[in-house]
Amino acid sequence: MKRFYKDVSVAPSDDGFGLLLDGRPVKTPGRVPLAVPSAALGDGIAEEWRGQDETIDPRAMPLTGLANAAIDRIAPDPATFAAGLARYGENDLLCYRAEAPVELAQWQAEAWDPYLAWARSRYDVELKVTAGIVHMPQPEATVERLGKAVGSRNPFELAGLSPLVTVSGSLVIALAVAESAFTPDQAWDAATADERWQTEKWGADEEAVAALANRRRDFYAGGRFLALL
């Protein structure tokens, strides 16, 4: 789509803060007004629209995409969406460790154990850790408490949490970022511990580096979205 507007602004609306293009309200793909809970998030989305050149590139507008998702996809049924994210707690990345080499197992422990310790303190849960990839059920109380931690969030919070969970493969990492217990930089290092170890040992692969950059973009977009709420 070619850029069709000159002025971008944010104005209070019945639903929060709405985006205006040349004074006209913007709507989501579902034809609902694009309005967000905070002025800061509205300003962030406005900057994405101002930054477009002659052709609009949706890939360069992650905050807009997450806001659209919150309104069109999540708000109609937040409980179902939250349940989908909560299921990651049953197979959390942090719980599946390498059997060998020993150096990698130690690397993972150093990167991941602080997050398990935080979850234990924050939610009074115990996450079982195993070596290998065979599924290991987590305690029922753990699954239930982590599920409540996700289910208590509103559609916009769930939208920001979603890429943190799906990109990292860890519900615990995502919740730690959402609650500002760890910074996005710290969390990204933990989420990519295996990739960093492989790179240090064997060097970088061009395709893997490109894929990791895409994941990083989505991960940080989720963190910024939550920070602006």
C-alpha atoms as a PDB file:
ATOM      1  CA  MET A   1       0.000   0.000   0.000  1.00  0.00           C
ATOM      2  CA  LYS A   2       1.281   3.452  -0.889  1.00  0.00           C
ATOM      3  CA  ARG A   3       1.461   6.063   1.828  1.00  0.00           C
ATOM      4  CA  PHE A   4      -1.763   8.065   1.584  1.00  0.00           C
ATOM      5  CA  TYR A   5      -1.426  10.484   4.526  1.00  0.00           C
ATOM      6  CA  LYS A   6       0.735  13.371   5.658  1.00  0.00           C
ATOM      7  CA  ASP A   7      -0.084  14.034   9.309  1.00  0.00           C
ATOM      8  CA  VAL A   8      -0.096  11.480  12.137  1.00  0.00           C
ATOM      9  CA  SER A   9      -1.473  12.283  15.578  1.00  0.00           C
ATOM     10  CA  VAL A  10      -2.873  10.682  18.725  1.00  0.00           C
ATOM     11  CA  ALA A  11      -6.025  11.863  20.469  1.00  0.00           C
ATOM     12  CA  PRO A  12      -8.044  10.711  23.499  1.00  0.00           C
ATOM     13  CA  SER A  13     -11.053   8.600  22.562  1.00  0.00           C
ATOM     14  CA  ASP A  14     -13.801   6.603  24.259  1.00  0.00           C
ATOM     15  CA  ASP A  15     -11.520   3.525  24.136  1.00  0.00           C
ATOM     16  CA  GLY A  16      -8.274   5.174  25.237  1.00  0.00           C
ATOM     17  CA  PHE A  17      -5.968   6.906  22.777  1.00  0.00           C
ATOM     18  CA  GLY A  18      -6.763   6.686  19.086  1.00  0.00           C
ATOM     19  CA  LEU A  19      -4.508   7.083  16.059  1.00  0.00           C
ATOM     20  CA  LEU A  20      -5.446   9.758  13.519  1.00  0.00           C
ATOM     21  CA  LEU A  21      -4.157  10.070   9.964  1.00  0.00           C
ATOM     22  CA  ASP A  22      -4.814  13.534   8.560  1.00  0.00           C
ATOM     23  CA  GLY A  23      -7.366  13.922  11.341  1.00  0.00           C
ATOM     24  CA  ARG A  24      -9.274  10.724  10.502  1.00  0.00           C
ATOM     25  CA  PRO A  25      -9.461   7.811  12.968  1.00  0.00           C
ATOM     26  CA  VAL A  26      -7.570   4.688  11.932  1.00  0.00           C
ATOM     27  CA  LYS A  27      -9.300   1.328  12.115  1.00  0.00           C
ATOM     28  CA  THR A  28      -7.909  -2.156  12.596  1.00  0.00           C
ATOM     29  CA  PRO A  29      -8.185  -4.807   9.864  1.00  0.00           C
ATOM     30  CA  GLY A  30     -11.361  -5.895  11.674  1.00  0.00           C
ATOM     31  CA  ARG A  31     -12.791  -2.386  11.148  1.00  0.00           C
ATOM     32  CA  VAL A  32     -12.618  -1.462  14.829  1.00  0.00           C
ATOM     33  CA  PRO A  33     -11.094   1.880  15.921  1.00  0.00           C
ATOM     34  CA  LEU A  34      -7.373   1.527  16.605  1.00  0.00           C
ATOM     35  CA  ALA A  35      -7.262   2.794  20.182  1.00  0.00           C
ATOM     36  CA  VAL A  36      -4.783   1.784  22.902  1.00  0.00           C
ATOM     37  CA  PRO A  37      -4.783   2.111  26.708  1.00  0.00           C
ATOM     38  CA  SER A  38      -1.908   4.577  27.099  1.00  0.00           C
ATOM     39  CA  ALA A  39      -0.699   7.771  25.461  1.00  0.00           C
ATOM     40  CA  ALA A  40       2.848   6.362  25.434  1.00  0.00           C
ATOM     41  CA  LEU A  41       1.807   3.357  23.358  1.00  0.00           C
ATOM     42  CA  GLY A  42      -0.228   5.623  21.096  1.00  0.00           C
ATOM     43  CA  ASP A  43       2.847   7.776  20.524  1.00  0.00           C
ATOM     44  CA  GLY A  44       4.935   4.685  19.782  1.00  0.00           C
ATOM     45  CA  ILE A  45       2.447   3.520  17.169  1.00  0.00           C
ATOM     46  CA  ALA A  46       2.249   7.026  15.702  1.00  0.00           C
ATOM     47  CA  GLU A  47       6.026   7.060  15.272  1.00  0.00           C
ATOM     48  CA  GLU A  48       5.792   3.839  13.258  1.00  0.00           C
ATOM     49  CA  TRP A  49       3.307   5.478  10.891  1.00  0.00           C
ATOM     50  CA  ARG A  50       5.406   8.637  10.622  1.00  0.00           C
ATOM     51  CA  GLY A  51       8.446   6.546   9.779  1.00  0.00           C
ATOM     52  CA  GLN A  52       6.899   4.987   6.677  1.00  0.00           C
ATOM     53  CA  ASP A  53       8.259   5.989   3.283  1.00  0.00           C
ATOM     54  CA  GLU A  54       6.263   6.110   0.051  1.00  0.00           C
ATOM     55  CA  THR A  55       5.184   2.496   0.567  1.00  0.00           C
ATOM     56  CA  ILE A  56       3.803   1.263   3.896  1.00  0.00           C
ATOM     57  CA  ASP A  57       5.689  -1.764   5.228  1.00  0.00           C
ATOM     58  CA  PRO A  58       3.697  -3.608   7.944  1.00  0.00           C
ATOM     59  CA  ARG A  59       6.843  -5.487   9.003  1.00  0.00           C
ATOM     60  CA  ALA A  60       8.294  -2.173  10.175  1.00  0.00           C
ATOM     61  CA  MET A  61       5.240  -1.536  12.374  1.00  0.00           C
ATOM     62  CA  PRO A  62       5.334  -4.208  15.108  1.00  0.00           C
ATOM     63  CA  LEU A  63       3.550  -2.112  17.747  1.00  0.00           C
ATOM     64  CA  THR A  64       0.710  -1.480  15.331  1.00  0.00           C
ATOM     65  CA  GLY A  65       0.499  -5.180  14.579  1.00  0.00           C
ATOM     66  CA  LEU A  66       0.345  -6.111  18.254  1.00  0.00           C
ATOM     67  CA  ALA A  67      -2.332  -3.497  18.932  1.00  0.00           C
ATOM     68  CA  ASN A  68      -4.389  -4.825  16.020  1.00  0.00           C
ATOM     69  CA  ALA A  69      -4.018  -8.335  17.425  1.00  0.00           C
ATOM     70  CA  ALA A  70      -5.111  -7.224  20.891  1.00  0.00           C
ATOM     71  CA  ILE A  71      -8.259  -5.628  19.511  1.00  0.00           C
ATOM     72  CA  ASP A  72      -9.253  -8.006  16.718  1.00  0.00           C
ATOM     73  CA  ARG A  73      -7.945 -11.404  17.810  1.00  0.00           C
ATOM     74  CA  ILE A  74      -7.585 -11.397  21.585  1.00  0.00           C
ATOM     75  CA  ALA A  75     -10.278  -9.110  22.982  1.00  0.00           C
ATOM     76  CA  PRO A  76     -13.197 -11.227  21.645  1.00  0.00           C
ATOM     77  CA  ASP A  77     -11.982 -14.250  23.676  1.00  0.00           C
ATOM     78  CA  PRO A  78      -9.036 -13.431  25.948  1.00  0.00           C
ATOM     79  CA  ALA A  79      -9.466 -16.552  28.087  1.00  0.00           C
ATOM     80  CA  THR A  80      -8.837 -18.897  25.165  1.00  0.00           C
ATOM     81  CA  PHE A  81      -5.819 -16.902  24.009  1.00  0.00           C
ATOM     82  CA  ALA A  82      -4.393 -16.818  27.535  1.00  0.00           C
ATOM     83  CA  ALA A  83      -4.848 -20.570  27.875  1.00  0.00           C
ATOM     84  CA  GLY A  84      -2.811 -21.104  24.709  1.00  0.00           C
ATOM     85  CA  LEU A  85       0.081 -19.079  26.101  1.00  0.00           C
ATOM     86  CA  ALA A  86      -0.179 -20.737  29.508  1.00  0.00           C
ATOM     87  CA  ARG A  87       0.393 -24.160  27.928  1.00  0.00           C
ATOM     88  CA  TYR A  88       3.995 -23.179  27.285  1.00  0.00           C
ATOM     89  CA  GLY A  89       4.508 -23.531  31.023  1.00  0.00           C
ATOM     90  CA  GLU A  90       3.962 -27.275  30.668  1.00  0.00           C
ATOM     91  CA  ASN A  91       6.958 -27.558  28.306  1.00  0.00           C
ATOM     92  CA  ASP A  92       9.053 -24.561  29.268  1.00  0.00           C
ATOM     93  CA  LEU A  93      12.401 -24.199  27.499  1.00  0.00           C
ATOM     94  CA  LEU A  94      14.152 -23.716  30.844  1.00  0.00           C
ATOM     95  CA  CYS A  95      13.217 -27.207  32.001  1.00  0.00           C
ATOM     96  CA  TYR A  96      14.860 -29.204  29.199  1.00  0.00           C
ATOM     97  CA  ARG A  97      18.620 -29.356  29.511  1.00  0.00           C
ATOM     98  CA  ALA A  98      21.368 -30.899  27.427  1.00  0.00           C
ATOM     99  CA  GLU A  99      22.620 -34.326  28.473  1.00  0.00           C
ATOM    100  CA  ALA A 100      26.029 -33.618  26.913  1.00  0.00           C
ATOM    101  CA  PRO A 101      28.469 -32.015  26.622  1.00  0.00           C
ATOM    102  CA  VAL A 102      28.887 -31.032  30.237  1.00  0.00           C
ATOM    103  CA  GLU A 103      29.984 -27.535  29.228  1.00  0.00           C
ATOM    104  CA  LEU A 104      26.653 -26.880  27.497  1.00  0.00           C
ATOM    105  CA  ALA A 105      24.693 -28.180  30.480  1.00  0.00           C
ATOM    106  CA  GLN A 106      26.625 -25.811  32.748  1.00  0.00           C
ATOM    107  CA  TRP A 107      26.080 -22.947  30.297  1.00  0.00           C
ATOM    108  CA  GLN A 108      22.325 -23.583  30.351  1.00  0.00           C
ATOM    109  CA  ALA A 109      22.244 -23.781  34.123  1.00  0.00           C
ATOM    110  CA  GLU A 110      23.978 -20.428  34.481  1.00  0.00           C
ATOM    111  CA  ALA A 111      21.607 -18.805  31.978  1.00  0.00           C
ATOM    112  CA  TRP A 112      18.335 -20.404  33.084  1.00  0.00           C
ATOM    113  CA  ASP A 113      18.492 -21.183  36.792  1.00  0.00           C
ATOM    114  CA  PRO A 114      18.013 -17.526  37.840  1.00  0.00           C
ATOM    115  CA  TYR A 115      14.662 -17.485  36.015  1.00  0.00           C
ATOM    116  CA  LEU A 116      13.484 -20.665  37.699  1.00  0.00           C
ATOM    117  CA  ALA A 117      14.535 -19.198  41.037  1.00  0.00           C
ATOM    118  CA  TRP A 118      12.550 -16.041  40.272  1.00  0.00           C
ATOM    119  CA  ALA A 119       9.447 -18.054  39.334  1.00  0.00           C
ATOM    120  CA  ARG A 120       9.771 -20.063  42.544  1.00  0.00           C
ATOM    121  CA  SER A 121       9.920 -16.890  44.621  1.00  0.00           C
ATOM    122  CA  ARG A 122       7.313 -14.925  42.664  1.00  0.00           C
ATOM    123  CA  TYR A 123       4.641 -17.585  42.166  1.00  0.00           C
ATOM    124  CA  ASP A 124       5.541 -20.229  44.739  1.00  0.00           C
ATOM    125  CA  VAL A 125       5.951 -22.848  42.012  1.00  0.00           C
ATOM    126  CA  GLU A 126       8.415 -25.636  41.437  1.00  0.00           C
ATOM    127  CA  LEU A 127       9.377 -26.418  37.853  1.00  0.00           C
ATOM    128  CA  LYS A 128      10.922 -29.826  37.304  1.00  0.00           C
ATOM    129  CA  VAL A 129      14.089 -29.945  35.224  1.00  0.00           C
ATOM    130  CA  THR A 130      15.116 -32.900  33.080  1.00  0.00           C
ATOM    131  CA  ALA A 131      17.914 -33.874  30.695  1.00  0.00           C
ATOM    132  CA  GLY A 132      16.812 -34.560  27.138  1.00  0.00           C
ATOM    133  CA  ILE A 133      13.657 -33.705  25.192  1.00  0.00           C
ATOM    134  CA  VAL A 134      11.181 -36.302  26.443  1.00  0.00           C
ATOM    135  CA  HIS A 135       8.137 -34.546  27.904  1.00  0.00           C
ATOM    136  CA  MET A 136       8.044 -34.372  31.676  1.00  0.00           C
ATOM    137  CA  PRO A 137       4.754 -33.289  33.288  1.00  0.00           C
ATOM    138  CA  GLN A 138       4.967 -30.343  35.640  1.00  0.00           C
ATOM    139  CA  PRO A 139       3.217 -30.360  39.032  1.00  0.00           C
ATOM    140  CA  GLU A 140      -0.477 -29.556  38.786  1.00  0.00           C
ATOM    141  CA  ALA A 141      -0.138 -26.639  41.208  1.00  0.00           C
ATOM    142  CA  THR A 142       2.636 -25.135  39.076  1.00  0.00           C
ATOM    143  CA  VAL A 143       0.582 -25.335  35.891  1.00  0.00           C
ATOM    144  CA  GLU A 144      -2.429 -23.840  37.657  1.00  0.00           C
ATOM    145  CA  ARG A 145      -0.551 -20.904  39.204  1.00  0.00           C
ATOM    146  CA  LEU A 146       1.285 -20.008  36.015  1.00  0.00           C
ATOM    147  CA  GLY A 147      -2.009 -20.258  34.161  1.00  0.00           C
ATOM    148  CA  LYS A 148      -3.564 -17.747  36.544  1.00  0.00           C
ATOM    149  CA  ALA A 149      -0.606 -15.413  36.088  1.00  0.00           C
ATOM    150  CA  VAL A 150      -1.363 -15.322  32.369  1.00  0.00           C
ATOM    151  CA  GLY A 151      -5.137 -15.419  32.584  1.00  0.00           C
ATOM    152  CA  SER A 152      -5.297 -12.349  34.805  1.00  0.00           C
ATOM    153  CA  ARG A 153      -3.915 -10.121  32.044  1.00  0.00           C
ATOM    154  CA  ASN A 154      -5.949  -7.922  29.726  1.00  0.00           C
ATOM    155  CA  PRO A 155      -5.944  -8.277  25.907  1.00  0.00           C
ATOM    156  CA  PHE A 156      -3.189  -5.696  25.393  1.00  0.00           C
ATOM    157  CA  GLU A 157      -0.965  -7.305  28.016  1.00  0.00           C
ATOM    158  CA  LEU A 158      -1.565 -10.689  26.391  1.00  0.00           C
ATOM    159  CA  ALA A 159      -0.656  -9.260  22.977  1.00  0.00           C
ATOM    160  CA  GLY A 160       2.700  -8.026  24.271  1.00  0.00           C
ATOM    161  CA  LEU A 161       3.328 -11.231  26.202  1.00  0.00           C
ATOM    162  CA  SER A 162       2.636 -13.425  23.173  1.00  0.00           C
ATOM    163  CA  PRO A 163       5.861 -12.875  21.164  1.00  0.00           C
ATOM    164  CA  LEU A 164       7.929 -13.087  24.340  1.00  0.00           C
ATOM    165  CA  VAL A 165       6.488 -16.541  24.980  1.00  0.00           C
ATOM    166  CA  THR A 166       6.425 -17.923  21.455  1.00  0.00           C
ATOM    167  CA  VAL A 167       9.836 -16.619  20.400  1.00  0.00           C
ATOM    168  CA  SER A 168      11.622 -17.765  23.545  1.00  0.00           C
ATOM    169  CA  GLY A 169       9.641 -20.945  24.106  1.00  0.00           C
ATOM    170  CA  SER A 170       9.525 -20.013  27.775  1.00  0.00           C
ATOM    171  CA  LEU A 171       6.533 -18.761  29.728  1.00  0.00           C
ATOM    172  CA  VAL A 172       8.804 -18.036  32.687  1.00  0.00           C
ATOM    173  CA  ILE A 173      11.129 -15.801  30.668  1.00  0.00           C
ATOM    174  CA  ALA A 174       8.145 -13.929  29.234  1.00  0.00           C
ATOM    175  CA  LEU A 175       6.564 -13.327  32.643  1.00  0.00           C
ATOM    176  CA  ALA A 176       9.907 -12.171  34.045  1.00  0.00           C
ATOM    177  CA  VAL A 177      10.115  -9.503  31.346  1.00  0.00           C
ATOM    178  CA  ALA A 178       6.459  -8.528  31.739  1.00  0.00           C
ATOM    179  CA  GLU A 179       7.001  -7.938  35.462  1.00  0.00           C
ATOM    180  CA  SER A 180      10.340  -6.133  34.952  1.00  0.00           C
ATOM    181  CA  ALA A 181      12.232  -8.744  36.963  1.00  0.00           C
ATOM    182  CA  PHE A 182      14.739  -9.018  34.085  1.00  0.00           C
ATOM    183  CA  THR A 183      15.434  -6.645  31.222  1.00  0.00           C
ATOM    184  CA  PRO A 184      14.657  -7.649  27.615  1.00  0.00           C
ATOM    185  CA  ASP A 185      18.414  -7.816  26.971  1.00  0.00           C
ATOM    186  CA  GLN A 186      18.941 -10.225  29.859  1.00  0.00           C
ATOM    187  CA  ALA A 187      15.931 -12.294  28.830  1.00  0.00           C
ATOM    188  CA  TRP A 188      17.053 -12.469  25.208  1.00  0.00           C
ATOM    189  CA  ASP A 189      20.455 -13.759  26.283  1.00  0.00           C
ATOM    190  CA  ALA A 190      18.731 -16.467  28.324  1.00  0.00           C
ATOM    191  CA  ALA A 191      16.304 -17.371  25.547  1.00  0.00           C
ATOM    192  CA  THR A 192      19.155 -17.772  23.060  1.00  0.00           C
ATOM    193  CA  ALA A 193      21.644 -19.486  25.351  1.00  0.00           C
ATOM    194  CA  ASP A 194      21.884 -22.540  23.089  1.00  0.00           C
ATOM    195  CA  GLU A 195      22.431 -20.444  19.971  1.00  0.00           C
ATOM    196  CA  ARG A 196      25.107 -18.354  21.668  1.00  0.00           C
ATOM    197  CA  TRP A 197      26.921 -21.486  22.822  1.00  0.00           C
ATOM    198  CA  GLN A 198      26.848 -22.961  19.319  1.00  0.00           C
ATOM    199  CA  THR A 199      28.179 -19.718  17.848  1.00  0.00           C
ATOM    200  CA  GLU A 200      31.038 -19.554  20.333  1.00  0.00           C
ATOM    201  CA  LYS A 201      31.960 -23.157  19.580  1.00  0.00           C
ATOM    202  CA  TRP A 202      31.436 -23.405  15.843  1.00  0.00           C
ATOM    203  CA  GLY A 203      31.024 -19.885  14.502  1.00  0.00           C
ATOM    204  CA  ALA A 204      28.035 -18.131  12.968  1.00  0.00           C
ATOM    205  CA  ASP A 205      25.900 -19.503  10.141  1.00  0.00           C
ATOM    206  CA  GLU A 206      24.517 -16.838   7.799  1.00  0.00           C
ATOM    207  CA  GLU A 207      20.995 -18.265   7.596  1.00  0.00           C
ATOM    208  CA  ALA A 208      20.859 -18.898  11.329  1.00  0.00           C
ATOM    209  CA  VAL A 209      21.983 -15.337  12.032  1.00  0.00           C
ATOM    210  CA  ALA A 210      19.214 -13.951   9.800  1.00  0.00           C
ATOM    211  CA  ALA A 211      16.575 -16.135  11.440  1.00  0.00           C
ATOM    212  CA  LEU A 212      17.790 -15.115  14.886  1.00  0.00           C
ATOM    213  CA  ALA A 213      17.587 -11.441  13.923  1.00  0.00           C
ATOM    214  CA  ASN A 214      13.928 -11.882  12.949  1.00  0.00           C
ATOM    215  CA  ARG A 215      13.174 -13.609  16.232  1.00  0.00           C
ATOM    216  CA  ARG A 216      14.989 -10.881  18.132  1.00  0.00           C
ATOM    217  CA  ARG A 217      12.924  -8.173  16.410  1.00  0.00           C
ATOM    218  CA  ASP A 218       9.666  -9.845  17.421  1.00  0.00           C
ATOM    219  CA  PHE A 219      10.869 -10.526  20.967  1.00  0.00           C
ATOM    220  CA  TYR A 220      11.916  -6.945  21.594  1.00  0.00           C
ATOM    221  CA  ALA A 221       8.697  -5.636  20.051  1.00  0.00           C
ATOM    222  CA  GLY A 222       6.745  -7.568  22.677  1.00  0.00           C
ATOM    223  CA  GLY A 223       8.903  -6.166  25.458  1.00  0.00           C
ATOM    224  CA  ARG A 224       8.560  -2.593  24.215  1.00  0.00           C
ATOM    225  CA  PHE A 225       4.804  -2.974  23.753  1.00  0.00           C
ATOM    226  CA  LEU A 226       4.427  -4.023  27.397  1.00  0.00           C
ATOM    227  CA  ALA A 227       6.720  -1.236  28.602  1.00  0.00           C
ATOM    228  CA  LEU A 228       4.560   1.378  26.859  1.00  0.00           C
ATOM    229  CA  LEU A 229       1.233   0.167  28.273  1.00  0.00           C
END
